[in-house]
C-alpha atoms as a PDB file:
ATOM      1  CA  MET A   1     -34.103 -25.803 -10.725  1.00  0.00           C
ATOM      2  CA  PRO A   2     -33.474 -25.487  -6.770  1.00  0.00           C
ATOM      3  CA  SER A   3     -36.036 -26.083  -4.841  1.00  0.00           C
ATOM      4  CA  LEU A   4     -37.565 -23.193  -2.930  1.00  0.00           C
ATOM      5  CA  LYS A   5     -36.223 -23.618   0.467  1.00  0.00           C
ATOM      6  CA  ALA A   6     -32.710 -23.511  -1.192  1.00  0.00           C
ATOM      7  CA  LEU A   7     -33.394 -20.875  -2.555  1.00  0.00           C
ATOM      8  CA  ARG A   8     -34.565 -18.868   0.099  1.00  0.00           C
ATOM      9  CA  MET A   9     -31.833 -20.039   2.193  1.00  0.00           C
ATOM     10  CA  ARG A  10     -29.469 -18.385  -0.544  1.00  0.00           C
ATOM     11  CA  ILE A  11     -30.976 -14.983  -0.319  1.00  0.00           C
ATOM     12  CA  ASN A  12     -30.786 -14.850   3.772  1.00  0.00           C
ATOM     13  CA  SER A  13     -27.292 -15.701   3.191  1.00  0.00           C
ATOM     14  CA  VAL A  14     -26.625 -12.717   0.532  1.00  0.00           C
ATOM     15  CA  LYS A  15     -28.538 -10.380   2.265  1.00  0.00           C
ATOM     16  CA  SER A  16     -26.162 -11.176   5.527  1.00  0.00           C
ATOM     17  CA  THR A  17     -23.429 -10.684   3.446  1.00  0.00           C
ATOM     18  CA  GLN A  18     -24.481  -7.104   1.815  1.00  0.00           C
ATOM     19  CA  LYS A  19     -24.980  -6.189   5.777  1.00  0.00           C
ATOM     20  CA  ILE A  20     -21.277  -6.884   6.746  1.00  0.00           C
ATOM     21  CA  THR A  21     -19.983  -5.545   3.253  1.00  0.00           C
ATOM     22  CA  SER A  22     -22.296  -2.303   4.107  1.00  0.00           C
ATOM     23  CA  ALA A  23     -20.677  -1.697   7.434  1.00  0.00           C
ATOM     24  CA  MET A  24     -17.302  -2.640   6.190  1.00  0.00           C
ATOM     25  CA  LYS A  25     -17.742   0.471   3.766  1.00  0.00           C
ATOM     26  CA  MET A  26     -19.304   3.143   6.399  1.00  0.00           C
ATOM     27  CA  VAL A  27     -16.338   1.844   8.975  1.00  0.00           C
ATOM     28  CA  ALA A  28     -12.966   2.614   5.940  1.00  0.00           C
ATOM     29  CA  ALA A  29     -15.277   5.749   5.040  1.00  0.00           C
ATOM     30  CA  SER A  30     -14.955   7.140   8.720  1.00  0.00           C
ATOM     31  CA  LYS A  31     -11.133   5.705   8.821  1.00  0.00           C
ATOM     32  CA  LEU A  32     -10.409   7.330   5.752  1.00  0.00           C
ATOM     33  CA  ARG A  33     -11.292  10.782   6.591  1.00  0.00           C
ATOM     34  CA  ARG A  34      -8.461  10.565   9.563  1.00  0.00           C
ATOM     35  CA  ALA A  35      -6.269   9.174   7.206  1.00  0.00           C
ATOM     36  CA  GLN A  36      -6.458  11.213   4.294  1.00  0.00           C
ATOM     37  CA  GLN A  37      -6.191  14.810   6.751  1.00  0.00           C
ATOM     38  CA  GLN A  38      -2.612  12.913   8.320  1.00  0.00           C
ATOM     39  CA  VAL A  39      -1.670  12.212   4.348  1.00  0.00           C
ATOM     40  CA  GLU A  40      -2.208  15.855   3.313  1.00  0.00           C
ATOM     41  CA  ALA A  41      -0.353  17.579   6.919  1.00  0.00           C
ATOM     42  CA  ALA A  42       2.542  15.131   6.260  1.00  0.00           C
ATOM     43  CA  ARG A  43       2.808  15.809   2.566  1.00  0.00           C
ATOM     44  CA  PRO A  44       4.189  19.030   2.735  1.00  0.00           C
ATOM     45  CA  TYR A  45       7.465  18.730   4.919  1.00  0.00           C
ATOM     46  CA  ALA A  46       8.241  15.233   3.503  1.00  0.00           C
ATOM     47  CA  GLN A  47       8.397  16.984  -0.078  1.00  0.00           C
ATOM     48  CA  ARG A  48      10.291  19.642   1.068  1.00  0.00           C
ATOM     49  CA  MET A  49      13.100  17.792   3.658  1.00  0.00           C
ATOM     50  CA  GLU A  50      13.572  15.863   0.362  1.00  0.00           C
ATOM     51  CA  ARG A  51      13.489  18.598  -2.462  1.00  0.00           C
ATOM     52  CA  MET A  52      16.358  20.109   0.055  1.00  0.00           C
ATOM     53  CA  LEU A  53      18.446  16.547   0.408  1.00  0.00           C
ATOM     54  CA  GLY A  54      18.014  15.907  -3.389  1.00  0.00           C
ATOM     55  CA  ALA A  55      19.838  19.671  -3.836  1.00  0.00           C
ATOM     56  CA  LEU A  56      22.781  19.079  -1.154  1.00  0.00           C
ATOM     57  CA  ALA A  57      23.100  15.455  -2.914  1.00  0.00           C
ATOM     58  CA  ALA A  58      24.020  16.772  -6.081  1.00  0.00           C
ATOM     59  CA  SER A  59      26.319  19.601  -4.863  1.00  0.00           C
ATOM     60  CA  VAL A  60      28.386  17.152  -2.617  1.00  0.00           C
ATOM     61  CA  ALA A  61      28.740  14.226  -4.934  1.00  0.00           C
ATOM     62  CA  ASP A  62      32.084  14.063  -5.223  1.00  0.00           C
ATOM     63  CA  SER A  63      33.051  14.464  -1.700  1.00  0.00           C
ATOM     64  CA  PRO A  64      34.557  11.590  -0.462  1.00  0.00           C
ATOM     65  CA  SER A  65      33.241  12.463   3.211  1.00  0.00           C
ATOM     66  CA  ALA A  66      29.297  12.923   2.238  1.00  0.00           C
ATOM     67  CA  PRO A  67      27.527  10.332   4.614  1.00  0.00           C
ATOM     68  CA  PRO A  68      26.770   7.364   2.813  1.00  0.00           C
ATOM     69  CA  LEU A  69      23.071   8.140   4.052  1.00  0.00           C
ATOM     70  CA  LEU A  70      22.832  11.371   1.486  1.00  0.00           C
ATOM     71  CA  VAL A  71      25.295   9.438  -1.336  1.00  0.00           C
ATOM     72  CA  GLY A  72      24.602   6.366  -0.971  1.00  0.00           C
ATOM     73  CA  THR A  73      27.570   4.225  -0.523  1.00  0.00           C
ATOM     74  CA  GLY A  74      29.220   4.855  -4.209  1.00  0.00           C
ATOM     75  CA  LYS A  75      28.496   1.118  -5.228  1.00  0.00           C
ATOM     76  CA  ASP A  76      25.343  -0.465  -7.381  1.00  0.00           C
ATOM     77  CA  GLN A  77      25.350  -4.282  -6.335  1.00  0.00           C
ATOM     78  CA  VAL A  78      22.918  -4.895  -3.466  1.00  0.00           C
ATOM     79  CA  HIS A  79      19.448  -3.293  -3.902  1.00  0.00           C
ATOM     80  CA  LEU A  80      17.062  -3.022  -0.649  1.00  0.00           C
ATOM     81  CA  LEU A  81      13.022  -3.230  -1.258  1.00  0.00           C
ATOM     82  CA  ILE A  82      11.008  -2.462   1.232  1.00  0.00           C
ATOM     83  CA  SER A  83       8.056  -3.065   0.271  1.00  0.00           C
ATOM     84  CA  VAL A  84       4.485  -1.425   2.215  1.00  0.00           C
ATOM     85  CA  THR A  85       1.242  -2.931   2.140  1.00  0.00           C
ATOM     86  CA  ALA A  86      -1.312  -3.609   4.215  1.00  0.00           C
ATOM     87  CA  ASP A  87      -2.324  -6.584   7.026  1.00  0.00           C
ATOM     88  CA  ARG A  88      -5.696  -6.851   5.981  1.00  0.00           C
ATOM     89  CA  GLY A  89      -7.296  -7.745   2.738  1.00  0.00           C
ATOM     90  CA  LEU A  90     -10.814  -7.102   1.431  1.00  0.00           C
ATOM     91  CA  ALA A  91      -9.373  -4.131  -0.428  1.00  0.00           C
ATOM     92  CA  GLY A  92      -9.451  -4.809  -3.913  1.00  0.00           C
ATOM     93  CA  ALA A  93      -6.099  -5.183  -5.723  1.00  0.00           C
ATOM     94  CA  PHE A  94      -4.574  -2.753  -3.378  1.00  0.00           C
ATOM     95  CA  ASN A  95      -2.075  -5.378  -2.210  1.00  0.00           C
ATOM     96  CA  SER A  96      -1.317  -7.323  -5.556  1.00  0.00           C
ATOM     97  CA  ASN A  97      -0.356  -4.208  -6.908  1.00  0.00           C
ATOM     98  CA  ILE A  98       2.439  -3.694  -4.798  1.00  0.00           C
ATOM     99  CA  GLY A  99       3.295  -7.262  -4.847  1.00  0.00           C
ATOM    100  CA  ARG A 100       3.974  -7.084  -8.514  1.00  0.00           C
ATOM    101  CA  ALA A 101       5.707  -4.380  -8.636  1.00  0.00           C
ATOM    102  CA  THR A 102       7.887  -5.569  -6.393  1.00  0.00           C
ATOM    103  CA  ARG A 103       8.208  -8.741  -7.997  1.00  0.00           C
ATOM    104  CA  THR A 104       8.989  -7.232 -11.381  1.00  0.00           C
ATOM    105  CA  LEU A 105      11.326  -4.496  -9.984  1.00  0.00           C
ATOM    106  CA  ALA A 106      13.449  -7.416  -8.418  1.00  0.00           C
ATOM    107  CA  ARG A 107      13.565  -9.100 -11.173  1.00  0.00           C
ATOM    108  CA  LYS A 108      14.633  -6.922 -13.326  1.00  0.00           C
ATOM    109  CA  LEU A 109      17.074  -6.044 -10.721  1.00  0.00           C
ATOM    110  CA  GLU A 110      18.215  -9.719 -10.685  1.00  0.00           C
ATOM    111  CA  ALA A 111      18.260  -9.863 -14.792  1.00  0.00           C
ATOM    112  CA  GLU A 112      20.809  -7.016 -14.477  1.00  0.00           C
ATOM    113  CA  GLY A 113      23.452  -8.881 -11.765  1.00  0.00           C
ATOM    114  CA  LYS A 114      21.988  -6.904  -8.570  1.00  0.00           C
ATOM    115  CA  THR A 115      21.603  -8.433  -5.923  1.00  0.00           C
ATOM    116  CA  VAL A 116      17.675  -8.047  -4.244  1.00  0.00           C
ATOM    117  CA  LYS A 117      16.793  -7.905  -0.374  1.00  0.00           C
ATOM    118  CA  ILE A 118      13.039  -7.155   0.213  1.00  0.00           C
ATOM    119  CA  LEU A 119      12.274  -6.069   3.399  1.00  0.00           C
ATOM    120  CA  ALA A 120       8.226  -6.805   3.860  1.00  0.00           C
ATOM    121  CA  VAL A 121       5.837  -4.603   6.148  1.00  0.00           C
ATOM    122  CA  GLY A 122       2.644  -5.313   6.092  1.00  0.00           C
ATOM    123  CA  ARG A 123       1.227  -9.132   6.246  1.00  0.00           C
ATOM    124  CA  LYS A 124      -0.374  -8.835   3.215  1.00  0.00           C
ATOM    125  CA  GLY A 125       3.455  -8.188   0.819  1.00  0.00           C
ATOM    126  CA  ARG A 126       4.982 -10.509   3.430  1.00  0.00           C
ATOM    127  CA  ASP A 127       2.716 -13.756   1.934  1.00  0.00           C
ATOM    128  CA  PHE A 128       2.318 -12.847  -1.585  1.00  0.00           C
ATOM    129  CA  LEU A 129       6.225 -11.908  -1.552  1.00  0.00           C
ATOM    130  CA  ARG A 130       7.126 -15.641   0.431  1.00  0.00           C
ATOM    131  CA  ARG A 131       5.406 -17.338  -3.119  1.00  0.00           C
ATOM    132  CA  GLU A 132       8.183 -16.839  -5.406  1.00  0.00           C
ATOM    133  CA  LEU A 133      10.737 -14.730  -3.395  1.00  0.00           C
ATOM    134  CA  ALA A 134      10.506 -15.840   0.432  1.00  0.00           C
ATOM    135  CA  SER A 135      15.068 -16.376  -0.424  1.00  0.00           C
ATOM    136  CA  ARG A 136      15.558 -12.615  -0.733  1.00  0.00           C
ATOM    137  CA  ILE A 137      13.455 -11.738   2.206  1.00  0.00           C
ATOM    138  CA  VAL A 138      15.638 -10.229   5.132  1.00  0.00           C
ATOM    139  CA  GLY A 139      12.870  -8.636   7.228  1.00  0.00           C
ATOM    140  CA  ASP A 140       8.683  -8.065   7.881  1.00  0.00           C
ATOM    141  CA  THR A 141       7.298  -6.040   9.837  1.00  0.00           C
ATOM    142  CA  THR A 142       3.565  -5.780  10.941  1.00  0.00           C
ATOM    143  CA  TYR A 143       1.497  -3.913  12.272  1.00  0.00           C
ATOM    144  CA  ALA A 144      -1.861  -5.982  12.417  1.00  0.00           C
ATOM    145  CA  GLY A 145      -3.975  -4.777  15.726  1.00  0.00           C
ATOM    146  CA  LYS A 146      -2.655  -1.032  15.923  1.00  0.00           C
ATOM    147  CA  LYS A 147      -5.462   1.561  15.646  1.00  0.00           C
ATOM    148  CA  ARG A 148      -2.510   3.896  14.526  1.00  0.00           C
ATOM    149  CA  ILE A 149       0.767   4.421  13.218  1.00  0.00           C
ATOM    150  CA  ASP A 150       3.017   6.087  15.213  1.00  0.00           C
ATOM    151  CA  PHE A 151       6.318   7.910  13.748  1.00  0.00           C
ATOM    152  CA  THR A 152       8.384   5.659  16.096  1.00  0.00           C
ATOM    153  CA  ASP A 153       6.924   2.641  13.824  1.00  0.00           C
ATOM    154  CA  ALA A 154       9.322   4.601  10.888  1.00  0.00           C
ATOM    155  CA  GLU A 155      11.801   5.182  12.627  1.00  0.00           C
ATOM    156  CA  ASP A 156      12.021   0.987  13.765  1.00  0.00           C
ATOM    157  CA  ILE A 157      12.410   0.015  10.092  1.00  0.00           C
ATOM    158  CA  ALA A 158      14.789   3.343   9.409  1.00  0.00           C
ATOM    159  CA  GLN A 159      17.028   2.310  12.069  1.00  0.00           C
ATOM    160  CA  ARG A 160      17.173  -0.878  10.583  1.00  0.00           C
ATOM    161  CA  VAL A 161      17.851  -0.091   6.917  1.00  0.00           C
ATOM    162  CA  THR A 162      20.547   2.199   8.654  1.00  0.00           C
ATOM    163  CA  ALA A 163      22.189  -0.454  10.654  1.00  0.00           C
ATOM    164  CA  MET A 164      22.403  -2.411   7.047  1.00  0.00           C
ATOM    165  CA  LEU A 165      24.086   0.375   5.632  1.00  0.00           C
ATOM    166  CA  THR A 166      26.355   0.563   8.218  1.00  0.00           C
ATOM    167  CA  ALA A 167      27.750  -2.433   7.513  1.00  0.00           C
ATOM    168  CA  ASN A 168      27.654  -2.226   3.998  1.00  0.00           C
ATOM    169  CA  GLU A 169      25.404  -4.770   3.443  1.00  0.00           C
ATOM    170  CA  ILE A 170      23.467  -2.479   1.086  1.00  0.00           C
ATOM    171  CA  ASP A 171      23.940  -0.142  -1.518  1.00  0.00           C
ATOM    172  CA  VAL A 172      20.361   1.029  -2.789  1.00  0.00           C
ATOM    173  CA  CYS A 173      17.354   1.783  -0.861  1.00  0.00           C
ATOM    174  CA  THR A 174      13.904   1.808  -2.603  1.00  0.00           C
ATOM    175  CA  LEU A 175      10.429   2.300  -1.097  1.00  0.00           C
ATOM    176  CA  ILE A 176       7.592   0.188  -2.832  1.00  0.00           C
ATOM    177  CA  TYR A 177       4.104   1.912  -2.067  1.00  0.00           C
ATOM    178  CA  ASN A 178       0.572   3.012  -3.047  1.00  0.00           C
ATOM    179  CA  ARG A 179       0.729   6.617  -3.219  1.00  0.00           C
ATOM    180  CA  PHE A 180      -3.317   8.033  -2.296  1.00  0.00           C
ATOM    181  CA  ARG A 181      -4.659  10.333  -5.062  1.00  0.00           C
ATOM    182  CA  SER A 182      -8.014   9.934  -4.287  1.00  0.00           C
ATOM    183  CA  VAL A 183     -10.611   7.051  -2.583  1.00  0.00           C
ATOM    184  CA  ILE A 184     -10.538   5.316  -6.394  1.00  0.00           C
ATOM    185  CA  SER A 185      -7.808   6.017  -7.074  1.00  0.00           C
ATOM    186  CA  GLN A 186      -3.852   4.706  -5.377  1.00  0.00           C
ATOM    187  CA  ILE A 187      -0.593   4.923  -7.330  1.00  0.00           C
ATOM    188  CA  VAL A 188       2.145   2.670  -6.948  1.00  0.00           C
ATOM    189  CA  THR A 189       5.013   4.555  -6.297  1.00  0.00           C
ATOM    190  CA  GLU A 190       8.716   3.687  -6.936  1.00  0.00           C
ATOM    191  CA  HIS A 191      10.591   5.969  -4.163  1.00  0.00           C
ATOM    192  CA  GLN A 192      14.323   5.543  -4.315  1.00  0.00           C
ATOM    193  CA  LEU A 193      15.636   6.756  -0.766  1.00  0.00           C
ATOM    194  CA  ILE A 194      19.164   6.044  -0.583  1.00  0.00           C
ATOM    195  CA  PRO A 195      21.685   7.488  -2.114  1.00  0.00           C
ATOM    196  CA  ALA A 196      19.287  10.520  -2.083  1.00  0.00           C
ATOM    197  CA  PRO A 197      17.605  11.177  -5.704  1.00  0.00           C
ATOM    198  CA  PRO A 198      17.921  14.979  -7.281  1.00  0.00           C
ATOM    199  CA  PRO A 199      15.241  16.958  -6.930  1.00  0.00           C
ATOM    200  CA  PRO A 200      12.973  17.371 -10.269  1.00  0.00           C
ATOM    201  CA  ASP A 201      13.931  20.650 -10.642  1.00  0.00           C
ATOM    202  CA  GLN A 202      17.864  19.572 -10.426  1.00  0.00           C
ATOM    203  CA  ALA A 203      19.328  23.608 -12.706  1.00  0.00           C
ATOM    204  CA  GLU A 204      17.101  25.565 -10.573  1.00  0.00           C
ATOM    205  CA  ALA A 205      18.260  23.911  -7.853  1.00  0.00           C
ATOM    206  CA  THR A 206      22.292  23.762  -8.736  1.00  0.00           C
ATOM    207  CA  ALA A 207      21.501  27.220  -9.552  1.00  0.00           C
ATOM    208  CA  ALA A 208      20.255  28.535  -5.908  1.00  0.00           C
ATOM    209  CA  LEU A 209      23.501  26.880  -3.861  1.00  0.00           C
ATOM    210  CA  ALA A 210      26.068  28.162  -6.482  1.00  0.00           C
ATOM    211  CA  GLY A 211      25.872  31.744  -5.945  1.00  0.00           C
ATOM    212  CA  ALA A 212      24.493  30.868  -1.746  1.00  0.00           C
ATOM    213  CA  THR A 213      27.280  30.629   0.875  1.00  0.00           C
ATOM    214  CA  TYR A 214      26.151  29.501   4.083  1.00  0.00           C
ATOM    215  CA  GLU A 215      27.081  29.516   7.815  1.00  0.00           C
ATOM    216  CA  PHE A 216      26.376  25.783  10.030  1.00  0.00           C
ATOM    217  CA  GLU A 217      25.741  26.026  13.364  1.00  0.00           C
ATOM    218  CA  PRO A 218      26.695  24.021  15.027  1.00  0.00           C
ATOM    219  CA  ASP A 219      28.659  22.812  12.117  1.00  0.00           C
ATOM    220  CA  GLU A 220      27.756  20.247   9.516  1.00  0.00           C
ATOM    221  CA  GLU A 221      28.599  16.961  10.235  1.00  0.00           C
ATOM    222  CA  THR A 222      26.605  17.918  13.491  1.00  0.00           C
ATOM    223  CA  ILE A 223      23.604  18.623  11.767  1.00  0.00           C
ATOM    224  CA  LEU A 224      23.949  16.039   8.313  1.00  0.00           C
ATOM    225  CA  ALA A 225      24.147  13.220  11.226  1.00  0.00           C
ATOM    226  CA  ARG A 226      20.767  14.380  13.000  1.00  0.00           C
ATOM    227  CA  LEU A 227      19.162  15.672  10.123  1.00  0.00           C
ATOM    228  CA  LEU A 228      19.711  12.689   7.902  1.00  0.00           C
ATOM    229  CA  PRO A 229      18.376   9.530   9.680  1.00  0.00           C
ATOM    230  CA  GLN A 230      15.518  12.439  10.769  1.00  0.00           C
ATOM    231  CA  ASN A 231      14.904  12.725   6.866  1.00  0.00           C
ATOM    232  CA  LEU A 232      14.907   9.122   6.141  1.00  0.00           C
ATOM    233  CA  ALA A 233      12.325   7.993   9.120  1.00  0.00           C
ATOM    234  CA  ILE A 234      10.117  11.047   7.499  1.00  0.00           C
ATOM    235  CA  GLN A 235       9.501   9.892   3.957  1.00  0.00           C
ATOM    236  CA  ILE A 236       8.937   5.844   5.615  1.00  0.00           C
ATOM    237  CA  TYR A 237       6.534   7.305   7.918  1.00  0.00           C
ATOM    238  CA  SER A 238       4.625   9.275   4.597  1.00  0.00           C
ATOM    239  CA  ALA A 239       4.610   6.475   2.640  1.00  0.00           C
ATOM    240  CA  LEU A 240       3.409   4.872   5.166  1.00  0.00           C
ATOM    241  CA  LEU A 241       0.712   7.497   5.691  1.00  0.00           C
ATOM    242  CA  GLU A 242       0.035   7.181   2.157  1.00  0.00           C
ATOM    243  CA  SER A 243      -0.456   3.263   2.061  1.00  0.00           C
ATOM    244  CA  ALA A 244      -2.613   3.459   4.927  1.00  0.00           C
ATOM    245  CA  ALA A 245      -5.439   6.103   3.842  1.00  0.00           C
ATOM    246  CA  GLY A 246      -5.149   3.827   0.144  1.00  0.00           C
ATOM    247  CA  GLU A 247      -5.770   0.880   2.237  1.00  0.00           C
ATOM    248  CA  HIS A 248      -8.808   2.619   3.568  1.00  0.00           C
ATOM    249  CA  GLY A 249     -10.136   4.076   0.453  1.00  0.00           C
ATOM    250  CA  ALA A 250      -8.957   0.594  -1.897  1.00  0.00           C
ATOM    251  CA  ARG A 251     -11.362  -1.081   1.163  1.00  0.00           C
ATOM    252  CA  MET A 252     -14.428   1.396   0.622  1.00  0.00           C
ATOM    253  CA  ALA A 253     -14.676   1.223  -2.973  1.00  0.00           C
ATOM    254  CA  ALA A 254     -13.844  -2.571  -2.856  1.00  0.00           C
ATOM    255  CA  MET A 255     -16.833  -3.212  -0.067  1.00  0.00           C
ATOM    256  CA  ASP A 256     -19.139  -0.351  -2.003  1.00  0.00           C
ATOM    257  CA  ASN A 257     -18.768  -2.925  -4.765  1.00  0.00           C
ATOM    258  CA  ALA A 258     -19.193  -6.187  -3.559  1.00  0.00           C
ATOM    259  CA  THR A 259     -22.647  -4.327  -1.776  1.00  0.00           C
ATOM    260  CA  ARG A 260     -24.271  -3.922  -5.268  1.00  0.00           C
ATOM    261  CA  ASN A 261     -23.183  -6.723  -6.207  1.00  0.00           C
ATOM    262  CA  ALA A 262     -25.016  -8.655  -3.477  1.00  0.00           C
ATOM    263  CA  GLY A 263     -27.807  -5.706  -3.897  1.00  0.00           C
ATOM    264  CA  ASP A 264     -28.077  -7.448  -8.189  1.00  0.00           C
ATOM    265  CA  MET A 265     -27.795 -11.140  -7.170  1.00  0.00           C
ATOM    266  CA  ILE A 266     -30.333 -10.645  -4.548  1.00  0.00           C
ATOM    267  CA  LYS A 267     -32.968  -9.431  -7.179  1.00  0.00           C
ATOM    268  CA  ARG A 268     -32.280 -12.002  -9.449  1.00  0.00           C
ATOM    269  CA  LEU A 269     -32.139 -14.961  -7.208  1.00  0.00           C
ATOM    270  CA  THR A 270     -35.302 -13.332  -6.037  1.00  0.00           C
ATOM    271  CA  LEU A 271     -36.874 -13.513  -9.148  1.00  0.00           C
ATOM    272  CA  ASN A 272     -36.285 -17.047  -9.523  1.00  0.00           C
ATOM    273  CA  TYR A 273     -37.886 -17.938  -6.362  1.00  0.00           C
ATOM    274  CA  ASN A 274     -41.037 -15.910  -7.456  1.00  0.00           C
ATOM    275  CA  ARG A 275     -40.986 -17.876 -10.686  1.00  0.00           C
ATOM    276  CA  ALA A 276     -40.026 -20.961  -9.229  1.00  0.00           C
ATOM    277  CA  ARG A 277     -43.016 -20.593  -6.625  1.00  0.00           C
ATOM    278  CA  GLN A 278     -44.811 -19.480  -9.069  1.00  0.00           C
ATOM    279  CA  ALA A 279     -44.235 -22.915 -11.215  1.00  0.00           C
ATOM    280  CA  ASN A 280     -45.087 -24.928  -7.901  1.00  0.00           C
ATOM    281  CA  ILE A 281     -48.501 -23.357  -7.518  1.00  0.00           C
ATOM    282  CA  THR A 282     -49.604 -23.784 -12.147  1.00  0.00           C
ATOM    283  CA  ARG A 283     -48.178 -27.188 -11.286  1.00  0.00           C
ATOM    284  CA  GLU A 284     -50.506 -27.638  -7.882  1.00  0.00           C
ATOM    285  CA  LEU A 285     -53.467 -26.017  -9.312  1.00  0.00           C
ATOM    286  CA  ILE A 286     -53.120 -28.288 -12.820  1.00  0.00           C
ATOM    287  CA  GLU A 287     -53.218 -31.326 -10.351  1.00  0.00           C
ATOM    288  CA  ILE A 288     -56.247 -30.608  -8.416  1.00  0.00           C
ATOM    289  CA  ILE A 289     -58.460 -29.684 -11.894  1.00  0.00           C
ATOM    290  CA  SER A 290     -57.297 -32.825 -13.457  1.00  0.00           C
ATOM    291  CA  GLY A 291     -58.014 -34.866 -10.462  1.00  0.00           C
ATOM    292  CA  ALA A 292     -61.590 -33.341 -10.031  1.00  0.00           C
ATOM    293  CA  GLU A 293     -62.232 -33.932 -14.025  1.00  0.00           C
ATOM    294  CA  ALA A 294     -61.073 -37.569 -13.448  1.00  0.00           C
ATOM    295  CA  LEU A 295     -63.847 -37.774 -10.853  1.00  0.00           C
END
């Protein structure tokens, strides 16, 4: 059995850890409120934009002049996977879930004869994917040290994707991120960006477009040239916000579990300490009584 001094040091160490995990839980809860508000504000716009462009892509899919950002290159050979994770750990399985999902999708595509390229957003995802898929990583982005993710950050990623598409380096682009559902639940989501996926209510969207006449001002090409890059940045920005909110929720839950586990450990160590202390006292009393009887 460990000595009393070793048990006291262990109890003090666990108490210090408990204070840290409790403080991290409160910080994550505070950041979660702001991140959740941003997500809820951004979702309707991003979803409506995606549905509109999905319906537009379905209507011009057979047009040879359709923009590549809308309908892709017409091929399905080179896939770009954008993996969105956090820059910090201590968030349970938040980062590893995205890493495993990206790895699984990459292996599946390669088994089908496709070429896979990976753009890692977040230090944890980059480190995870480097272990097995280092040769597929064509770039990485981190936001370590930034207090808040801005729309310009998403625009930088969108510009990189657009440049790769323009140079015919990719055919399909898929975004992999954690979608925030609640404090204790984040859903790993695979969202195809290029070509634009059809809307869920495809029949309704097609019927609505079939009987409608649209007038474009100034013209279709000018509007799409401005709208498509903006939509790409909006979808990426929405994923970054979802991931940020999910990170804070996952860290809050992980630190709450760690705090409770530390409390349970302190109880067990305290019980062992009291037993060891009582055993020492009993042994000393026996020695004193035995010595007195010997006299």
